[in-house]
Amino acid sequence: MLTLNKVNFRGANLLPAMVLPEFVARRALISEDEIATRLREVPGWTRAGKAIERTWTFRDFSEALAFINKVGALAEAMNHHPDIANSWATVRLTLTTHDKGGLTNLDFDLAKKINDL
């Protein structure tokens, strides 16, 4: 887990620029070969253009919503948020790194954590 220590500079809490190399690397676009390899690590997820997605069907809306809330907690902890579509007991999650315009390791890392729920 990455721990960031803020530096106080003229009253502003700043993050030192040099403590983020692992995070930056996880947000770099990955190659088609890497995508194919990483997809094998996340059963149920499929490629959807510049994203990966998976759909779940639950018993009812309440169960689907509980799942969405668990996903939300994971997403907040990683500061990486899926697109979420919900129709009663069906939930579809789509992962992509929007600001990079495609797939990064962060998408697959979150997909793995979601699969573990």
C-alpha atoms as a PDB file:
ATOM      1  CA  MET A   1       0.000   0.000   0.000  1.00  0.00           C
ATOM      2  CA  LEU A   2       1.297   3.425  -0.923  1.00  0.00           C
ATOM      3  CA  THR A   3       1.459   5.931   1.916  1.00  0.00           C
ATOM      4  CA  LEU A   4       1.814   9.570   1.037  1.00  0.00           C
ATOM      5  CA  ASN A   5       3.110  12.105   3.513  1.00  0.00           C
ATOM      6  CA  LYS A   6       1.961  15.630   2.897  1.00  0.00           C
ATOM      7  CA  VAL A   7       4.422  18.492   3.031  1.00  0.00           C
ATOM      8  CA  ASN A   8       3.237  21.810   4.412  1.00  0.00           C
ATOM      9  CA  PHE A   9       4.358  24.643   2.144  1.00  0.00           C
ATOM     10  CA  ARG A  10       3.073  28.143   2.894  1.00  0.00           C
ATOM     11  CA  GLY A  11      -0.068  26.762   4.504  1.00  0.00           C
ATOM     12  CA  ALA A  12      -0.863  24.285   1.701  1.00  0.00           C
ATOM     13  CA  ASN A  13      -0.570  20.546   2.223  1.00  0.00           C
ATOM     14  CA  LEU A  14       1.231  19.239  -0.847  1.00  0.00           C
ATOM     15  CA  LEU A  15       2.268  15.767  -1.913  1.00  0.00           C
ATOM     16  CA  PRO A  16       5.928  15.397  -2.821  1.00  0.00           C
ATOM     17  CA  ALA A  17       6.226  14.778  -6.572  1.00  0.00           C
ATOM     18  CA  MET A  18       8.795  12.011  -6.249  1.00  0.00           C
ATOM     19  CA  VAL A  19       6.705   9.610  -4.125  1.00  0.00           C
ATOM     20  CA  LEU A  20       4.329   8.610  -6.920  1.00  0.00           C
ATOM     21  CA  PRO A  21       6.308   6.465  -9.429  1.00  0.00           C
ATOM     22  CA  GLU A  22       4.397   3.225  -8.682  1.00  0.00           C
ATOM     23  CA  PHE A  23       1.049   4.996  -9.010  1.00  0.00           C
ATOM     24  CA  VAL A  24       2.114   6.666 -12.265  1.00  0.00           C
ATOM     25  CA  ALA A  25       3.290   3.328 -13.683  1.00  0.00           C
ATOM     26  CA  ARG A  26      -0.061   1.695 -12.833  1.00  0.00           C
ATOM     27  CA  ARG A  27      -1.806   4.472 -14.798  1.00  0.00           C
ATOM     28  CA  ALA A  28       0.243   4.020 -17.975  1.00  0.00           C
ATOM     29  CA  LEU A  29      -1.564   2.519 -20.968  1.00  0.00           C
ATOM     30  CA  ILE A  30      -0.758  -1.152 -21.452  1.00  0.00           C
ATOM     31  CA  SER A  31      -0.162  -3.036 -24.699  1.00  0.00           C
ATOM     32  CA  GLU A  32      -2.617  -5.381 -26.423  1.00  0.00           C
ATOM     33  CA  ASP A  33      -0.503  -8.359 -25.314  1.00  0.00           C
ATOM     34  CA  GLU A  34      -0.598  -7.156 -21.706  1.00  0.00           C
ATOM     35  CA  ILE A  35      -4.363  -6.641 -21.943  1.00  0.00           C
ATOM     36  CA  ALA A  36      -4.840 -10.216 -23.188  1.00  0.00           C
ATOM     37  CA  THR A  37      -2.691 -11.547 -20.341  1.00  0.00           C
ATOM     38  CA  ARG A  38      -4.432  -9.463 -17.691  1.00  0.00           C
ATOM     39  CA  LEU A  39      -7.903 -10.476 -18.982  1.00  0.00           C
ATOM     40  CA  ARG A  40      -7.068 -14.093 -18.155  1.00  0.00           C
ATOM     41  CA  GLU A  41      -6.546 -12.978 -14.531  1.00  0.00           C
ATOM     42  CA  VAL A  42     -10.092 -11.587 -14.183  1.00  0.00           C
ATOM     43  CA  PRO A  43     -12.690 -14.261 -14.995  1.00  0.00           C
ATOM     44  CA  GLY A  44     -16.009 -12.917 -16.233  1.00  0.00           C
ATOM     45  CA  TRP A  45     -14.600  -9.648 -17.583  1.00  0.00           C
ATOM     46  CA  THR A  46     -14.594  -9.043 -21.336  1.00  0.00           C
ATOM     47  CA  ARG A  47     -13.000  -6.485 -23.588  1.00  0.00           C
ATOM     48  CA  ALA A  48     -15.279  -3.655 -24.715  1.00  0.00           C
ATOM     49  CA  GLY A  49     -13.200  -1.375 -26.935  1.00  0.00           C
ATOM     50  CA  LYS A  50     -10.939   0.689 -24.701  1.00  0.00           C
ATOM     51  CA  ALA A  51     -12.512  -0.796 -21.568  1.00  0.00           C
ATOM     52  CA  ILE A  52     -13.338  -4.049 -19.823  1.00  0.00           C
ATOM     53  CA  GLU A  53     -16.773  -4.871 -18.489  1.00  0.00           C
ATOM     54  CA  ARG A  54     -18.696  -7.458 -16.555  1.00  0.00           C
ATOM     55  CA  THR A  55     -22.377  -7.965 -15.744  1.00  0.00           C
ATOM     56  CA  TRP A  56     -23.890  -9.515 -12.614  1.00  0.00           C
ATOM     57  CA  THR A  57     -27.482 -10.536 -11.960  1.00  0.00           C
ATOM     58  CA  PHE A  58     -28.652 -10.589  -8.355  1.00  0.00           C
ATOM     59  CA  ARG A  59     -31.842 -11.816  -6.681  1.00  0.00           C
ATOM     60  CA  ASP A  60     -33.296  -8.336  -6.327  1.00  0.00           C
ATOM     61  CA  PHE A  61     -32.582  -4.611  -6.347  1.00  0.00           C
ATOM     62  CA  SER A  62     -31.497  -4.561  -2.706  1.00  0.00           C
ATOM     63  CA  GLU A  63     -28.794  -7.176  -3.323  1.00  0.00           C
ATOM     64  CA  ALA A  64     -27.616  -5.346  -6.461  1.00  0.00           C
ATOM     65  CA  LEU A  65     -27.419  -2.070  -4.557  1.00  0.00           C
ATOM     66  CA  ALA A  66     -25.423  -3.675  -1.735  1.00  0.00           C
ATOM     67  CA  PHE A  67     -22.926  -4.924  -4.333  1.00  0.00           C
ATOM     68  CA  ILE A  68     -22.700  -1.465  -5.918  1.00  0.00           C
ATOM     69  CA  ASN A  69     -21.950   0.035  -2.502  1.00  0.00           C
ATOM     70  CA  LYS A  70     -19.147  -2.486  -1.912  1.00  0.00           C
ATOM     71  CA  VAL A  71     -17.699  -1.656  -5.332  1.00  0.00           C
ATOM     72  CA  GLY A  72     -17.958   2.031  -4.463  1.00  0.00           C
ATOM     73  CA  ALA A  73     -15.898   1.534  -1.316  1.00  0.00           C
ATOM     74  CA  LEU A  74     -13.187  -0.274  -3.291  1.00  0.00           C
ATOM     75  CA  ALA A  75     -13.215   2.412  -5.968  1.00  0.00           C
ATOM     76  CA  GLU A  76     -12.877   5.189  -3.403  1.00  0.00           C
ATOM     77  CA  ALA A  77      -9.986   3.399  -1.693  1.00  0.00           C
ATOM     78  CA  MET A  78      -8.170   3.102  -5.044  1.00  0.00           C
ATOM     79  CA  ASN A  79      -9.269   6.508  -6.345  1.00  0.00           C
ATOM     80  CA  HIS A  80     -10.342   4.726  -9.531  1.00  0.00           C
ATOM     81  CA  HIS A  81     -14.032   4.629 -10.352  1.00  0.00           C
ATOM     82  CA  PRO A  82     -15.965   2.321 -12.689  1.00  0.00           C
ATOM     83  CA  ASP A  83     -18.906   3.326 -14.825  1.00  0.00           C
ATOM     84  CA  ILE A  84     -21.890   1.646 -13.157  1.00  0.00           C
ATOM     85  CA  ALA A  85     -25.151   0.711 -14.886  1.00  0.00           C
ATOM     86  CA  ASN A  86     -27.963  -0.695 -12.761  1.00  0.00           C
ATOM     87  CA  SER A  87     -31.356  -1.979 -13.861  1.00  0.00           C
ATOM     88  CA  TRP A  88     -33.214  -3.510 -10.935  1.00  0.00           C
ATOM     89  CA  ALA A  89     -31.213  -6.704 -10.152  1.00  0.00           C
ATOM     90  CA  THR A  90     -28.637  -6.337 -12.945  1.00  0.00           C
ATOM     91  CA  VAL A  91     -25.366  -4.455 -12.534  1.00  0.00           C
ATOM     92  CA  ARG A  92     -22.876  -3.776 -15.331  1.00  0.00           C
ATOM     93  CA  LEU A  93     -19.468  -2.359 -14.459  1.00  0.00           C
ATOM     94  CA  THR A  94     -17.158  -0.846 -17.045  1.00  0.00           C
ATOM     95  CA  LEU A  95     -13.537  -0.092 -16.257  1.00  0.00           C
ATOM     96  CA  THR A  96     -11.208   2.172 -18.210  1.00  0.00           C
ATOM     97  CA  THR A  97      -8.749   4.877 -17.282  1.00  0.00           C
ATOM     98  CA  HIS A  98     -10.589   7.829 -18.792  1.00  0.00           C
ATOM     99  CA  ASP A  99      -7.776  10.361 -18.535  1.00  0.00           C
ATOM    100  CA  LYS A 100      -5.399   7.952 -20.336  1.00  0.00           C
ATOM    101  CA  GLY A 101      -7.914   6.986 -23.015  1.00  0.00           C
ATOM    102  CA  GLY A 102      -7.704   3.244 -22.493  1.00  0.00           C
ATOM    103  CA  LEU A 103      -6.739   0.375 -20.249  1.00  0.00           C
ATOM    104  CA  THR A 104      -4.103   0.488 -17.531  1.00  0.00           C
ATOM    105  CA  ASN A 105      -3.045  -1.911 -14.803  1.00  0.00           C
ATOM    106  CA  LEU A 106      -5.268   0.054 -12.443  1.00  0.00           C
ATOM    107  CA  ASP A 107      -8.347  -1.217 -14.317  1.00  0.00           C
ATOM    108  CA  PHE A 108      -7.297  -4.829 -13.927  1.00  0.00           C
ATOM    109  CA  ASP A 109      -6.243  -4.361 -10.310  1.00  0.00           C
ATOM    110  CA  LEU A 110      -9.715  -3.023  -9.491  1.00  0.00           C
ATOM    111  CA  ALA A 111     -11.397  -5.801 -11.514  1.00  0.00           C
ATOM    112  CA  LYS A 112      -9.515  -8.387  -9.428  1.00  0.00           C
ATOM    113  CA  LYS A 113     -10.645  -6.754  -6.188  1.00  0.00           C
ATOM    114  CA  ILE A 114     -14.234  -6.627  -7.420  1.00  0.00           C
ATOM    115  CA  ASN A 115     -14.085 -10.317  -8.342  1.00  0.00           C
ATOM    116  CA  ASP A 116     -13.004 -11.055  -4.776  1.00  0.00           C
ATOM    117  CA  LEU A 117     -16.159  -9.495  -3.296  1.00  0.00           C
END
